[in-house]
Amino acid sequence: MADEAEADGIFRDLIDRWLRECLSGGDGLVAEMVLADPVAAKDAVDRVAECLPERRTVGTRPATTQGD
């Protein structure tokens, strides 16, 4: 299991990989944002990404059996 610093690094790597994949296609909202203003686009992606780790514990409700 990764500690918090390792988990943050892994998460950042995932976001960077996702961003590269979005940009490699050359179309889509993220690519259009980068074409219009690369710095603002990266800032927007970073702001959204900062919100995501706060939701790491979000999941489905525990399963219940009939009769619970």
N, C-alpha and C. Protein backbone atom coordinates (compact mmCIF):
# COMPACT_ATOMS: atom_id res chain seq x y z
N MET A 1 0.85 -1.17 0.00
CA MET A 1 0.00 0.00 0.00
C MET A 1 0.90 1.24 0.00
N ALA A 2 0.52 2.23 -0.80
CA ALA A 2 1.32 3.45 -0.93
C ALA A 2 0.98 4.43 0.19
N ASP A 3 2.02 5.17 0.65
CA ASP A 3 1.73 6.22 1.61
C ASP A 3 1.13 7.42 0.86
N GLU A 4 0.78 8.45 1.59
CA GLU A 4 0.07 9.57 0.97
C GLU A 4 0.89 10.26 -0.11
N ALA A 5 2.18 10.44 0.12
CA ALA A 5 3.04 11.09 -0.88
C ALA A 5 3.14 10.24 -2.14
N GLU A 6 3.29 8.93 -1.97
CA GLU A 6 3.34 8.03 -3.12
C GLU A 6 2.02 8.03 -3.87
N ALA A 7 0.93 8.00 -3.13
CA ALA A 7 -0.40 8.01 -3.75
C ALA A 7 -0.61 9.29 -4.54
N ASP A 8 -0.17 10.42 -3.99
CA ASP A 8 -0.28 11.69 -4.71
C ASP A 8 0.54 11.68 -5.99
N GLY A 9 1.74 11.11 -5.93
CA GLY A 9 2.58 11.01 -7.12
C GLY A 9 1.97 10.12 -8.19
N ILE A 10 1.41 8.99 -7.76
CA ILE A 10 0.73 8.09 -8.69
C ILE A 10 -0.46 8.79 -9.32
N PHE A 11 -1.23 9.49 -8.50
CA PHE A 11 -2.40 10.22 -9.00
C PHE A 11 -1.97 11.27 -10.03
N ARG A 12 -0.92 12.02 -9.73
CA ARG A 12 -0.42 13.05 -10.65
C ARG A 12 0.02 12.42 -11.97
N ASP A 13 0.69 11.26 -11.89
CA ASP A 13 1.10 10.55 -13.10
C ASP A 13 -0.12 10.13 -13.94
N LEU A 14 -1.16 9.68 -13.27
CA LEU A 14 -2.38 9.30 -13.99
C LEU A 14 -3.02 10.50 -14.69
N ILE A 15 -3.07 11.63 -14.00
CA ILE A 15 -3.63 12.84 -14.60
C ILE A 15 -2.79 13.27 -15.80
N ASP A 16 -1.47 13.25 -15.65
CA ASP A 16 -0.59 13.63 -16.76
C ASP A 16 -0.77 12.70 -17.95
N ARG A 17 -0.87 11.41 -17.70
CA ARG A 17 -1.08 10.44 -18.78
C ARG A 17 -2.43 10.70 -19.47
N TRP A 18 -3.46 10.95 -18.68
CA TRP A 18 -4.78 11.25 -19.24
C TRP A 18 -4.72 12.50 -20.12
N LEU A 19 -4.03 13.53 -19.64
CA LEU A 19 -3.92 14.78 -20.40
C LEU A 19 -3.19 14.54 -21.72
N ARG A 20 -2.11 13.78 -21.68
CA ARG A 20 -1.38 13.47 -22.93
C ARG A 20 -2.27 12.71 -23.91
N GLU A 21 -3.06 11.77 -23.40
CA GLU A 21 -3.97 11.02 -24.27
C GLU A 21 -5.02 11.94 -24.89
N CYS A 22 -5.54 12.87 -24.10
CA CYS A 22 -6.52 13.82 -24.62
C CYS A 22 -5.92 14.67 -25.72
N LEU A 23 -4.69 15.09 -25.53
CA LEU A 23 -4.03 15.97 -26.50
C LEU A 23 -3.54 15.23 -27.73
N SER A 24 -3.26 13.95 -27.60
CA SER A 24 -2.75 13.19 -28.75
C SER A 24 -3.81 13.02 -29.83
N GLY A 25 -5.09 13.04 -29.43
CA GLY A 25 -6.17 12.92 -30.40
C GLY A 25 -6.38 14.20 -31.19
N GLY A 26 -6.00 15.32 -30.61
CA GLY A 26 -6.09 16.60 -31.31
C GLY A 26 -7.48 17.19 -31.39
N ASP A 27 -8.47 16.52 -30.86
CA ASP A 27 -9.81 17.11 -30.86
C ASP A 27 -10.43 16.91 -29.47
N GLY A 28 -11.53 17.49 -29.25
CA GLY A 28 -12.18 17.40 -27.95
C GLY A 28 -12.00 18.68 -27.16
N LEU A 29 -12.71 18.77 -26.08
CA LEU A 29 -12.74 19.98 -25.26
C LEU A 29 -11.36 20.35 -24.72
N VAL A 30 -10.66 19.38 -24.16
CA VAL A 30 -9.35 19.68 -23.56
C VAL A 30 -8.39 20.19 -24.62
N ALA A 31 -8.36 19.54 -25.78
CA ALA A 31 -7.47 19.99 -26.86
C ALA A 31 -7.83 21.41 -27.31
N GLU A 32 -9.12 21.70 -27.40
CA GLU A 32 -9.54 23.05 -27.80
C GLU A 32 -9.13 24.08 -26.75
N MET A 33 -9.25 23.71 -25.47
CA MET A 33 -8.83 24.62 -24.41
C MET A 33 -7.34 24.90 -24.49
N VAL A 34 -6.55 23.86 -24.75
CA VAL A 34 -5.10 24.03 -24.84
C VAL A 34 -4.73 24.89 -26.04
N LEU A 35 -5.42 24.69 -27.16
CA LEU A 35 -5.15 25.52 -28.33
C LEU A 35 -5.46 26.98 -28.06
N ALA A 36 -6.54 27.24 -27.33
CA ALA A 36 -6.95 28.61 -27.06
C ALA A 36 -6.01 29.29 -26.06
N ASP A 37 -5.64 28.59 -25.00
CA ASP A 37 -4.79 29.17 -23.96
C ASP A 37 -4.16 28.04 -23.15
N PRO A 38 -2.96 27.61 -23.52
CA PRO A 38 -2.34 26.46 -22.85
C PRO A 38 -2.18 26.60 -21.34
N VAL A 39 -1.81 27.79 -20.89
CA VAL A 39 -1.59 27.98 -19.44
C VAL A 39 -2.91 27.89 -18.69
N ALA A 40 -3.94 28.55 -19.20
CA ALA A 40 -5.25 28.50 -18.54
C ALA A 40 -5.82 27.08 -18.57
N ALA A 41 -5.60 26.36 -19.67
CA ALA A 41 -6.09 24.98 -19.77
C ALA A 41 -5.42 24.09 -18.73
N LYS A 42 -4.10 24.21 -18.60
CA LYS A 42 -3.38 23.40 -17.60
C LYS A 42 -3.83 23.76 -16.19
N ASP A 43 -4.04 25.04 -15.94
CA ASP A 43 -4.54 25.47 -14.63
C ASP A 43 -5.92 24.87 -14.34
N ALA A 44 -6.78 24.86 -15.35
CA ALA A 44 -8.13 24.30 -15.18
C ALA A 44 -8.06 22.81 -14.88
N VAL A 45 -7.24 22.08 -15.62
CA VAL A 45 -7.08 20.65 -15.39
C VAL A 45 -6.54 20.42 -13.98
N ASP A 46 -5.57 21.21 -13.57
CA ASP A 46 -5.01 21.07 -12.22
C ASP A 46 -6.06 21.34 -11.14
N ARG A 47 -6.90 22.35 -11.34
CA ARG A 47 -7.95 22.66 -10.35
C ARG A 47 -8.94 21.51 -10.23
N VAL A 48 -9.34 20.94 -11.35
CA VAL A 48 -10.26 19.80 -11.31
C VAL A 48 -9.58 18.60 -10.65
N ALA A 49 -8.34 18.35 -11.03
CA ALA A 49 -7.61 17.21 -10.47
C ALA A 49 -7.45 17.33 -8.96
N GLU A 50 -7.29 18.54 -8.45
CA GLU A 50 -7.16 18.74 -7.01
C GLU A 50 -8.42 18.30 -6.27
N CYS A 51 -9.56 18.37 -6.91
CA CYS A 51 -10.81 17.96 -6.28
C CYS A 51 -10.96 16.44 -6.24
N LEU A 52 -10.36 15.75 -7.18
CA LEU A 52 -10.57 14.31 -7.30
C LEU A 52 -10.04 13.50 -6.13
N PRO A 53 -8.83 13.74 -5.60
CA PRO A 53 -8.37 12.91 -4.48
C PRO A 53 -9.26 13.03 -3.25
N GLU A 54 -9.96 14.14 -3.10
CA GLU A 54 -10.85 14.29 -1.95
C GLU A 54 -12.01 13.31 -2.00
N ARG A 55 -12.25 12.74 -3.17
CA ARG A 55 -13.36 11.81 -3.35
C ARG A 55 -12.90 10.36 -3.41
N ARG A 56 -11.64 10.10 -3.05
CA ARG A 56 -11.11 8.74 -3.16
C ARG A 56 -11.92 7.72 -2.38
N THR A 57 -12.50 8.14 -1.29
CA THR A 57 -13.21 7.20 -0.44
C THR A 57 -14.65 6.99 -0.90
N VAL A 58 -15.07 7.73 -1.89
CA VAL A 58 -16.44 7.57 -2.38
C VAL A 58 -16.54 6.22 -3.07
N GLY A 59 -17.58 5.51 -2.78
CA GLY A 59 -17.78 4.20 -3.40
C GLY A 59 -19.25 3.85 -3.37
N THR A 60 -19.52 2.63 -3.61
CA THR A 60 -20.90 2.17 -3.58
C THR A 60 -21.30 1.84 -2.16
N ARG A 61 -22.56 1.78 -1.95
CA ARG A 61 -23.06 1.37 -0.63
C ARG A 61 -22.73 -0.09 -0.41
N PRO A 62 -22.56 -0.47 0.83
CA PRO A 62 -22.32 -1.89 1.12
C PRO A 62 -23.51 -2.73 0.67
N ALA A 63 -23.23 -3.91 0.20
CA ALA A 63 -24.29 -4.81 -0.24
C ALA A 63 -25.11 -5.26 0.97
N THR A 64 -26.38 -5.41 0.73
CA THR A 64 -27.25 -5.94 1.79
C THR A 64 -27.89 -7.21 1.27
N THR A 65 -28.26 -8.06 2.20
CA THR A 65 -28.95 -9.29 1.83
C THR A 65 -30.44 -9.10 2.08
N GLN A 66 -31.23 -9.90 1.42
CA GLN A 66 -32.66 -9.82 1.68
C GLN A 66 -32.88 -10.18 3.14
N GLY A 67 -33.67 -9.39 3.78
CA GLY A 67 -33.92 -9.63 5.19
C GLY A 67 -33.21 -8.62 6.07
N ASP A 68 -32.32 -7.82 5.48
CA ASP A 68 -31.67 -6.76 6.27
C ASP A 68 -32.60 -5.57 6.40
